[in-house]
Amino acid sequence: MLLFFSSELLLPTELKKIVFRSPKIDTIGHFIAFFILAWLIHSLIKLTLVKTFITLSFYGALSELGQYYLGFRNGEFSDFFADIAGISSFILLKLLYLAYKKIYFKKLTKKHSTTSTFPRHDK
């Protein structure tokens, strides 16, 4: 869905024709695979979000370039764009989650600090 929304909002007409000539199952697979791959790399290897993006972007570019030179495969810009969109979607969701978590805990600590009892001064 993100691919289709971004094609309508962000891309020039000429680039839309190249990237979205017809959505193939392969392109959707690239989006899903790189979303999951970004999640795994960030969670298991503990790379930062920036390093995850850079690493997987290079991996996606090199894999498409390699496919371009193979006789039985073809490298496509739309697949690379789907790779980048999958990585970016994971990063966006992760950042939204972290922002929500920060706001939630800030509200939670503020609520607990206002409901705490005053210290007793017994003499």
Protein backbone atom coordinates (compact mmCIF):
# COMPACT_ATOMS: atom_id res chain seq x y z
CA MET A 1 0.00 0.00 0.00
CA LEU A 2 2.86 2.35 0.81
CA LEU A 3 4.25 1.87 -2.69
CA PHE A 4 0.99 2.91 -4.30
CA PHE A 5 0.49 5.94 -2.02
CA SER A 6 4.04 7.11 -2.59
CA SER A 7 3.63 6.71 -6.32
CA GLU A 8 0.62 9.01 -6.31
CA LEU A 9 2.03 11.65 -3.96
CA LEU A 10 5.79 11.87 -4.33
CA LEU A 11 7.05 10.72 -7.71
CA PRO A 12 7.14 12.60 -11.02
CA THR A 13 5.02 11.13 -13.82
CA GLU A 14 7.99 9.80 -15.81
CA LEU A 15 9.37 7.95 -12.77
CA LYS A 16 5.90 6.56 -11.95
CA LYS A 17 5.77 4.93 -15.37
CA ILE A 18 9.15 3.24 -14.81
CA VAL A 19 8.57 2.11 -11.24
CA PHE A 20 4.90 1.15 -11.36
CA ARG A 21 4.30 -0.19 -14.83
CA SER A 22 2.51 -3.15 -13.27
CA PRO A 23 2.83 -4.30 -9.69
CA LYS A 24 4.27 -7.79 -9.76
CA ILE A 25 4.22 -10.32 -6.98
CA ASP A 26 8.03 -10.19 -7.10
CA THR A 27 8.03 -6.48 -6.27
CA ILE A 28 5.61 -7.00 -3.38
CA GLY A 29 7.84 -9.83 -2.22
CA HIS A 30 10.83 -7.49 -2.23
CA PHE A 31 8.94 -5.00 -0.06
CA ILE A 32 7.91 -7.64 2.48
CA ALA A 33 11.30 -9.37 2.48
CA PHE A 34 13.28 -6.19 3.10
CA PHE A 35 10.84 -5.04 5.78
CA ILE A 36 11.39 -8.33 7.64
CA LEU A 37 15.13 -8.26 6.91
CA ALA A 38 15.41 -4.75 8.37
CA TRP A 39 13.52 -5.90 11.45
CA LEU A 40 15.81 -8.90 11.91
CA ILE A 41 19.05 -6.97 11.31
CA HIS A 42 18.01 -4.23 13.72
CA SER A 43 16.70 -6.60 16.39
CA LEU A 44 19.15 -9.49 16.27
CA ILE A 45 22.41 -7.88 15.17
CA LYS A 46 21.56 -4.64 17.01
CA LEU A 47 22.56 -2.28 14.23
CA THR A 48 21.29 1.27 14.54
CA LEU A 49 18.46 2.33 12.25
CA VAL A 50 20.83 4.42 10.11
CA LYS A 51 23.33 1.57 9.71
CA THR A 52 20.47 -0.84 8.98
CA PHE A 53 19.20 1.45 6.23
CA ILE A 54 22.63 1.95 4.66
CA THR A 55 23.58 -1.74 4.84
CA LEU A 56 20.34 -3.05 3.38
CA SER A 57 20.23 -0.32 0.71
CA PHE A 58 23.65 -1.39 -0.53
CA TYR A 59 22.61 -5.04 -0.35
CA GLY A 60 19.45 -4.32 -2.37
CA ALA A 61 21.38 -2.30 -4.96
CA LEU A 62 24.08 -4.94 -5.33
CA SER A 63 21.57 -7.77 -5.61
CA GLU A 64 19.66 -5.95 -8.38
CA LEU A 65 22.92 -5.10 -10.13
CA GLY A 66 23.96 -8.75 -9.93
CA GLN A 67 20.61 -9.86 -11.33
CA TYR A 68 21.00 -7.39 -14.20
CA TYR A 69 24.14 -9.23 -15.36
CA LEU A 70 22.72 -12.74 -14.95
CA GLY A 71 21.29 -14.35 -18.06
CA PHE A 72 18.23 -15.86 -16.40
CA ARG A 73 17.32 -12.92 -14.10
CA ASN A 74 16.85 -9.23 -14.68
CA GLY A 75 17.55 -6.38 -12.29
CA GLU A 76 14.68 -3.94 -12.06
CA PHE A 77 14.55 -0.47 -10.61
CA SER A 78 11.05 -1.18 -9.29
CA ASP A 79 12.41 -4.05 -7.19
CA PHE A 80 15.15 -1.81 -5.77
CA PHE A 81 12.53 0.85 -5.02
CA ALA A 82 10.45 -1.80 -3.24
CA ASP A 83 13.53 -2.80 -1.21
CA ILE A 84 14.06 0.81 -0.10
CA ALA A 85 10.34 1.23 0.63
CA GLY A 86 10.35 -1.91 2.80
CA ILE A 87 13.40 -0.75 4.77
CA SER A 88 11.97 2.76 5.14
CA SER A 89 8.60 1.43 6.29
CA PHE A 90 10.24 -0.58 9.06
CA ILE A 91 12.27 2.44 10.17
CA LEU A 92 9.21 4.69 10.11
CA LEU A 93 7.17 2.23 12.16
CA LYS A 94 10.04 1.78 14.61
CA LEU A 95 10.42 5.54 15.07
CA LEU A 96 6.67 5.96 15.55
CA TYR A 97 6.71 3.17 18.14
CA LEU A 98 9.61 4.77 20.01
CA ALA A 99 7.90 8.17 19.98
CA TYR A 100 4.66 6.64 21.25
CA LYS A 101 6.52 4.75 23.96
CA LYS A 102 8.33 7.92 25.05
CA ILE A 103 5.07 9.91 25.25
CA TYR A 104 3.28 7.07 27.05
CA PHE A 105 5.95 6.71 29.72
CA LYS A 106 6.19 10.47 30.15
CA LYS A 107 2.43 10.58 30.85
CA LEU A 108 2.72 7.57 33.14
CA THR A 109 5.52 9.07 35.24
CA LYS A 110 3.75 12.42 35.37
CA LYS A 111 0.58 10.70 36.61
CA HIS A 112 2.48 8.84 39.33
CA SER A 113 4.34 11.94 40.47
CA THR A 114 1.12 13.93 40.94
CA THR A 115 -0.64 11.16 42.86
CA SER A 116 2.21 10.44 45.26
CA THR A 117 1.69 11.22 48.91
CA PHE A 118 3.42 14.03 50.66
CA PRO A 119 6.13 13.09 53.15
CA ARG A 120 4.94 12.95 56.71
CA HIS A 121 6.59 15.10 59.34
CA ASP A 122 6.11 13.23 62.59
CA LYS A 123 7.69 14.66 65.70
